[in-house]
Amino acid sequence: MSEAGARGATAPRPGSASPKGRRRRGSPTSVGAWPVAFIGLLMLGVAVFYYWPIVKNIITSFQQTNAFGGDPQFVGLDNYKSLFAEPEIGSAIGNTLLYTLILLIGVPLSVAIASMVELPGLRGKSVYRMIYFLPYLAMPMAVAQVWKVLYNGNFGLINQFLRVVGVDDPPYWIVTPGFAIVAVSVFGLWCSIGFNVIILSSGLKGIPRELHEAASIDGATGVKQFRWVTVPLLTPSIFFLSITTTIGGFQLFDALFAMIGRGNPAEPKTRSLVSLFYRQAFVDSNQGAGAATAIVILLFVAIVTVIQFIGQKKWVNYV
């Protein structure tokens, strides 16, 4: 090989980076320690305020403590055995599942409402969005008091309306065991609509109008466009709401506390898993039993969420 040929084979081409420069740009340490510093602080907060309470709760669920949480004694699975031996555990799980299912009805209902609010050419869309979102901003305890008046068996608007349409003896909604949990669920459903509509409205705005125009040219009516264009492209938002609604349903407590309260004859039959946890941990001061109940709730939520994530592969379209 000639001397010129040897120089051409070893010299870098004009405009190309040197091997050393390429290694510097591609090196993961070229940005320094700043990412680690920022992410490390964030993860430290998450570990202290989210993961450590879960770990501590798991440890406590295997212990028996005094009323102030001191003198812990390891008792193995006794707290879990006592929990599933409780006569109320079956009704608490049933009430929680019923509340969650009724709350999930609000998702397709919200899809219909959001689709009507976002109809092309509809005037006053912002007003409609505000009307549906305002209940979500209101303080739940205050709204619950209004619903208690509506549910009142003697002078509530619901029973007054039922008497007008011919129902002679309407039920006392929030003091009758069979109706109380349904009444609370309807209240929860009403409270969830506003948040759902806002999320779905954002999803609807992300659907290109060209798709509806193309479907219209192909002869699709408004209903068919909703069924075959709008709903499939809205499934990521629907899936998100299904997850958050399910988790919120398993955390049922404040609505029961505000509308049913203590001393209500329907209260023993309307307890949820979280209200059972509240009674064990804060009324009976049995922190071990309360921690075991909290772990069972966590497992329920985790199992249902995993099932939802597995099932979403068959019906959610990420286009």
Protein backbone atom coordinates (compact mmCIF):
# COMPACT_ATOMS: atom_id res chain seq x y z
CA MET A 1 0.00 0.00 0.00
CA SER A 2 1.35 3.50 -0.84
CA GLU A 3 1.94 6.20 1.81
CA ALA A 4 -1.03 8.29 0.55
CA GLY A 5 -3.31 5.26 0.69
CA ALA A 6 -2.25 4.53 4.24
CA ARG A 7 -3.02 8.12 5.31
CA GLY A 8 -6.50 7.91 3.66
CA ALA A 9 -7.29 4.70 5.49
CA THR A 10 -6.40 6.10 8.93
CA ALA A 11 -7.32 9.81 8.72
CA PRO A 12 -10.90 10.82 9.69
CA ARG A 13 -13.19 12.05 6.93
CA PRO A 14 -13.92 15.79 6.73
CA GLY A 15 -16.96 16.67 8.87
CA SER A 16 -16.98 13.37 10.72
CA ALA A 17 -16.47 13.26 14.50
CA SER A 18 -13.43 11.63 15.93
CA PRO A 19 -13.87 8.29 17.69
CA LYS A 20 -13.04 10.04 20.97
CA GLY A 21 -15.73 12.69 20.33
CA ARG A 22 -18.34 10.02 19.51
CA ARG A 23 -17.60 8.24 22.77
CA ARG A 24 -17.94 11.51 24.69
CA ARG A 25 -21.37 12.36 23.21
CA GLY A 26 -22.70 8.84 23.63
CA SER A 27 -21.38 8.35 27.15
CA PRO A 28 -24.10 8.12 29.82
CA THR A 29 -21.89 10.13 32.17
CA SER A 30 -21.57 13.10 29.81
CA VAL A 31 -24.46 14.99 31.48
CA GLY A 32 -22.95 14.68 34.90
CA ALA A 33 -24.71 13.80 38.12
CA TRP A 34 -27.62 16.26 37.80
CA PRO A 35 -30.21 13.66 36.65
CA VAL A 36 -29.28 11.42 39.54
CA ALA A 37 -29.57 14.35 41.96
CA PHE A 38 -33.04 15.37 40.76
CA ILE A 39 -34.45 11.85 40.38
CA GLY A 40 -32.82 10.76 43.61
CA LEU A 41 -34.60 13.45 45.64
CA LEU A 42 -37.91 12.58 44.02
CA MET A 43 -37.48 8.87 44.60
CA LEU A 44 -36.45 9.52 48.20
CA GLY A 45 -39.74 11.34 48.80
CA VAL A 46 -41.70 8.55 47.10
CA ALA A 47 -39.90 5.93 49.17
CA VAL A 48 -40.44 7.76 52.48
CA PHE A 49 -44.05 8.84 51.99
CA TYR A 50 -45.43 6.02 49.82
CA TYR A 51 -43.43 2.80 50.03
CA TRP A 52 -42.30 2.93 53.66
CA PRO A 53 -45.90 3.27 54.99
CA ILE A 54 -46.83 0.19 52.94
CA VAL A 55 -43.87 -1.76 54.33
CA LYS A 56 -44.64 -0.56 57.87
CA ASN A 57 -48.30 -1.51 57.41
CA ILE A 58 -47.32 -5.02 56.30
CA ILE A 59 -45.12 -5.40 59.40
CA THR A 60 -47.88 -4.10 61.70
CA SER A 61 -50.41 -6.53 60.20
CA PHE A 62 -48.39 -9.38 61.74
CA GLN A 63 -48.21 -7.73 65.16
CA GLN A 64 -50.44 -7.04 68.14
CA THR A 65 -49.86 -3.66 69.82
CA ASN A 66 -51.34 -1.72 72.69
CA ALA A 67 -53.81 1.13 72.14
CA PHE A 68 -50.99 3.61 71.46
CA GLY A 69 -49.14 1.38 68.98
CA GLY A 70 -46.42 0.41 71.42
CA ASP A 71 -45.18 -2.95 72.75
CA PRO A 72 -45.55 -4.83 69.44
CA GLN A 73 -45.81 -8.61 69.70
CA PHE A 74 -45.48 -10.88 66.65
CA VAL A 75 -48.70 -12.88 66.20
CA GLY A 76 -48.23 -14.31 62.71
CA LEU A 77 -51.45 -14.56 60.68
CA ASP A 78 -53.78 -14.12 63.67
CA ASN A 79 -54.92 -10.67 62.54
CA TYR A 80 -55.84 -12.01 59.09
CA LYS A 81 -57.65 -15.00 60.62
CA SER A 82 -59.61 -12.66 62.91
CA LEU A 83 -60.46 -10.42 59.96
CA PHE A 84 -61.94 -13.21 57.83
CA ALA A 85 -63.77 -14.57 60.90
CA GLU A 86 -65.55 -11.21 61.31
CA PRO A 87 -69.29 -11.57 60.63
CA GLU A 88 -69.23 -8.23 58.78
CA ILE A 89 -66.44 -9.04 56.31
CA GLY A 90 -68.80 -10.57 53.74
CA SER A 91 -71.19 -7.61 53.69
CA ALA A 92 -68.24 -5.16 53.70
CA ILE A 93 -66.76 -6.79 50.57
CA GLY A 94 -70.19 -6.97 48.94
CA ASN A 95 -70.99 -3.32 49.67
CA THR A 96 -67.59 -2.23 48.34
CA LEU A 97 -68.01 -4.23 45.12
CA LEU A 98 -71.59 -2.98 44.62
CA TYR A 99 -70.50 0.64 45.11
CA THR A 100 -67.61 0.15 42.64
CA LEU A 101 -69.86 -1.44 40.00
CA ILE A 102 -72.43 1.36 40.24
CA LEU A 103 -69.62 3.90 39.99
CA LEU A 104 -68.36 2.18 36.81
CA ILE A 105 -71.79 2.71 35.23
CA GLY A 106 -70.83 6.38 35.25
CA VAL A 107 -68.08 5.77 32.65
CA PRO A 108 -70.32 4.92 29.66
CA LEU A 109 -72.81 7.51 30.90
CA SER A 110 -70.01 10.09 30.87
CA VAL A 111 -69.01 9.03 27.34
CA ALA A 112 -72.53 9.85 26.14
CA ILE A 113 -72.61 13.18 28.00
CA ALA A 114 -69.15 14.23 26.79
CA SER A 115 -70.04 13.32 23.20
CA MET A 116 -73.14 15.51 23.36
CA VAL A 117 -71.23 18.38 24.96
CA GLU A 118 -68.53 18.21 22.26
CA LEU A 119 -70.96 18.03 19.34
CA PRO A 120 -69.65 20.19 16.45
CA GLY A 121 -71.48 23.49 16.27
CA LEU A 122 -72.97 23.28 19.77
CA ARG A 123 -73.10 26.72 21.38
CA GLY A 124 -72.11 27.28 24.99
CA LYS A 125 -69.80 24.27 25.33
CA SER A 126 -67.81 25.94 28.08
CA VAL A 127 -70.99 26.53 30.07
CA TYR A 128 -72.00 22.88 29.79
CA ARG A 129 -68.51 21.73 30.81
CA MET A 130 -68.64 24.06 33.84
CA ILE A 131 -72.09 22.77 34.84
CA TYR A 132 -70.89 19.17 34.84
CA PHE A 133 -67.55 19.93 36.49
CA LEU A 134 -68.84 22.12 39.35
CA PRO A 135 -70.06 19.18 41.51
CA TYR A 136 -66.53 17.77 41.38
CA LEU A 137 -65.17 21.02 42.83
CA ALA A 138 -67.70 21.19 45.65
CA MET A 139 -66.77 19.86 49.09
CA PRO A 140 -68.07 16.27 49.29
CA MET A 141 -69.26 16.59 52.90
CA ALA A 142 -71.35 19.66 52.03
CA VAL A 143 -72.83 18.01 48.93
CA ALA A 144 -73.62 14.91 50.99
CA GLN A 145 -75.74 17.02 53.34
CA VAL A 146 -77.77 18.27 50.36
CA TRP A 147 -78.30 14.69 49.19
CA LYS A 148 -79.41 13.68 52.68
CA VAL A 149 -82.18 16.26 52.41
CA LEU A 150 -83.13 14.94 48.96
CA TYR A 151 -83.27 11.38 50.35
CA ASN A 152 -85.33 12.36 53.42
CA GLY A 153 -88.24 9.95 53.72
CA ASN A 154 -90.82 12.53 54.86
CA PHE A 155 -90.12 15.73 52.94
CA GLY A 156 -87.29 14.87 50.53
CA LEU A 157 -87.80 15.81 46.89
CA ILE A 158 -87.28 12.23 45.69
CA ASN A 159 -90.07 10.79 47.81
CA GLN A 160 -92.31 13.78 47.08
CA PHE A 161 -91.87 13.06 43.37
CA LEU A 162 -92.55 9.34 43.87
CA ARG A 163 -95.78 10.12 45.72
CA VAL A 164 -96.87 12.42 42.88
CA VAL A 165 -96.37 9.64 40.31
CA GLY A 166 -98.36 7.17 42.41
CA VAL A 167 -95.90 5.42 44.76
CA ASP A 168 -97.85 5.30 48.02
CA ASP A 169 -95.14 4.18 50.40
CA PRO A 170 -91.66 5.18 49.11
CA PRO A 171 -88.73 3.86 51.16
CA TYR A 172 -86.68 5.75 53.71
CA TRP A 173 -83.59 5.65 51.56
CA ILE A 174 -80.67 6.15 53.92
CA VAL A 175 -82.06 4.36 56.99
CA THR A 176 -83.27 1.19 55.27
CA PRO A 177 -80.48 -1.42 54.97
CA GLY A 178 -81.49 -2.62 51.52
CA PHE A 179 -81.57 0.87 50.01
CA ALA A 180 -78.89 2.77 51.94
CA ILE A 181 -75.83 1.48 50.04
CA VAL A 182 -77.62 2.04 46.70
CA ALA A 183 -78.48 5.61 47.75
CA VAL A 184 -74.84 6.28 48.65
CA SER A 185 -73.70 4.72 45.36
CA VAL A 186 -75.98 6.99 43.35
CA PHE A 187 -74.49 9.95 45.22
CA GLY A 188 -70.98 8.73 44.37
CA LEU A 189 -71.97 8.21 40.75
CA TRP A 190 -73.30 11.76 40.53
CA CYS A 191 -70.09 13.15 42.05
CA SER A 192 -67.87 11.28 39.56
CA ILE A 193 -69.60 12.44 36.37
CA GLY A 194 -67.92 15.88 36.27
CA PHE A 195 -64.34 14.57 36.38
CA ASN A 196 -65.16 11.86 33.83
CA VAL A 197 -66.70 14.35 31.39
CA ILE A 198 -63.65 16.63 31.52
CA ILE A 199 -61.25 13.73 30.82
CA LEU A 200 -63.40 12.38 27.99
CA SER A 201 -63.87 15.85 26.48
CA SER A 202 -60.09 16.14 26.25
CA GLY A 203 -59.96 12.74 24.58
CA LEU A 204 -62.65 13.73 22.08
CA LYS A 205 -60.67 16.83 21.09
CA GLY A 206 -57.75 14.58 20.16
CA ILE A 207 -59.78 12.68 17.53
CA PRO A 208 -59.07 14.13 14.04
CA ARG A 209 -62.19 15.55 12.41
CA GLU A 210 -61.03 14.10 9.08
CA LEU A 211 -61.96 10.63 10.31
CA HIS A 212 -65.58 11.66 10.94
CA GLU A 213 -65.68 13.45 7.59
CA ALA A 214 -64.37 10.37 5.80
CA ALA A 215 -66.93 8.19 7.58
CA SER A 216 -69.67 10.63 6.61
CA ILE A 217 -68.59 10.49 2.94
CA ASP A 218 -68.79 6.68 3.17
CA GLY A 219 -72.40 7.02 4.32
CA ALA A 220 -72.00 6.46 8.06
CA THR A 221 -74.72 8.09 10.14
CA GLY A 222 -74.03 9.94 13.39
CA VAL A 223 -74.73 6.83 15.48
CA LYS A 224 -72.43 4.69 13.34
CA GLN A 225 -69.68 7.31 13.53
CA PHE A 226 -70.04 7.30 17.32
CA ARG A 227 -69.91 3.49 17.45
CA TRP A 228 -67.09 2.84 14.95
CA VAL A 229 -64.98 6.03 15.10
CA THR A 230 -65.51 7.93 18.35
CA VAL A 231 -65.69 5.09 20.87
CA PRO A 232 -62.67 3.08 19.56
CA LEU A 233 -60.46 6.18 19.54
CA LEU A 234 -61.70 7.15 22.99
CA THR A 235 -60.81 3.81 24.59
CA PRO A 236 -57.50 5.04 26.16
CA SER A 237 -59.45 7.68 28.11
CA ILE A 238 -62.18 5.15 28.98
CA PHE A 239 -59.53 2.72 30.25
CA PHE A 240 -57.91 5.42 32.38
CA LEU A 241 -61.27 6.29 33.93
CA SER A 242 -62.04 2.62 34.54
CA ILE A 243 -58.81 2.28 36.53
CA THR A 244 -59.26 5.44 38.59
CA THR A 245 -62.96 4.75 39.20
CA THR A 246 -62.26 1.22 40.42
CA ILE A 247 -59.55 2.41 42.80
CA GLY A 248 -61.84 5.19 44.07
CA GLY A 249 -64.66 2.67 44.57
CA PHE A 250 -62.52 0.45 46.78
CA GLN A 251 -61.70 3.51 48.91
CA LEU A 252 -65.34 4.13 49.84
CA PHE A 253 -65.50 5.84 53.23
CA ASP A 254 -66.28 9.57 53.23
CA ALA A 255 -69.63 9.22 51.45
CA LEU A 256 -70.75 6.55 53.94
CA PHE A 257 -69.48 8.56 56.89
CA ALA A 258 -71.27 11.72 55.74
CA MET A 259 -74.59 10.21 54.63
CA ILE A 260 -75.06 7.22 56.94
CA GLY A 261 -73.00 8.13 60.01
CA ARG A 262 -73.07 6.40 63.37
CA GLY A 263 -76.33 5.57 65.09
CA ASN A 264 -78.11 4.97 61.78
CA PRO A 265 -79.99 1.60 61.84
CA ALA A 266 -78.62 0.87 58.35
CA GLU A 267 -75.00 1.51 59.35
CA PRO A 268 -74.02 -2.09 60.28
CA LYS A 269 -75.27 -3.33 56.89
CA THR A 270 -73.63 -0.61 54.80
CA ARG A 271 -70.05 -0.79 56.03
CA SER A 272 -67.34 -0.93 53.39
CA LEU A 273 -63.86 -2.40 53.72
CA VAL A 274 -62.40 1.03 54.52
CA SER A 275 -65.05 1.76 57.16
CA LEU A 276 -64.25 -1.64 58.69
CA PHE A 277 -60.58 -0.62 58.74
CA TYR A 278 -61.53 2.71 60.38
CA ARG A 279 -63.51 1.01 63.13
CA GLN A 280 -60.77 -1.51 63.90
CA ALA A 281 -57.84 0.94 63.81
CA PHE A 282 -59.34 4.13 65.29
CA VAL A 283 -62.46 3.13 67.27
CA ASP A 284 -61.34 -0.22 68.70
CA SER A 285 -57.63 0.90 68.71
CA ASN A 286 -56.62 -2.49 67.28
CA GLN A 287 -53.87 -1.37 64.93
CA GLY A 288 -52.80 -4.88 63.96
CA ALA A 289 -56.31 -5.78 62.76
CA GLY A 290 -56.63 -2.43 61.00
CA ALA A 291 -53.31 -2.96 59.22
CA ALA A 292 -54.42 -6.44 58.09
CA THR A 293 -57.63 -4.94 56.65
CA ALA A 294 -55.61 -2.26 54.83
CA ILE A 295 -53.39 -4.95 53.27
CA VAL A 296 -56.46 -6.90 52.12
CA ILE A 297 -57.84 -3.73 50.48
CA LEU A 298 -54.46 -3.15 48.81
CA LEU A 299 -54.46 -6.71 47.46
CA PHE A 300 -58.02 -6.35 46.15
CA VAL A 301 -57.11 -3.13 44.32
CA ALA A 302 -53.87 -4.62 42.95
CA ILE A 303 -55.58 -7.78 41.65
CA VAL A 304 -58.43 -5.90 39.98
CA THR A 305 -56.00 -3.37 38.46
CA VAL A 306 -53.76 -6.12 37.07
CA ILE A 307 -56.82 -7.84 35.55
CA GLN A 308 -57.86 -4.54 33.96
CA PHE A 309 -54.38 -4.00 32.51
CA ILE A 310 -54.34 -7.53 31.07
CA GLY A 311 -57.82 -7.16 29.61
CA GLN A 312 -57.16 -3.74 28.06
CA LYS A 313 -54.98 -5.35 25.35
CA LYS A 314 -58.17 -6.68 23.74
CA TRP A 315 -60.23 -3.49 23.58
CA VAL A 316 -58.04 -0.38 23.98
CA ASN A 317 -56.75 1.19 20.75
CA TYR A 318 -53.56 3.25 21.06
CA VAL A 319 -53.53 4.78 17.56
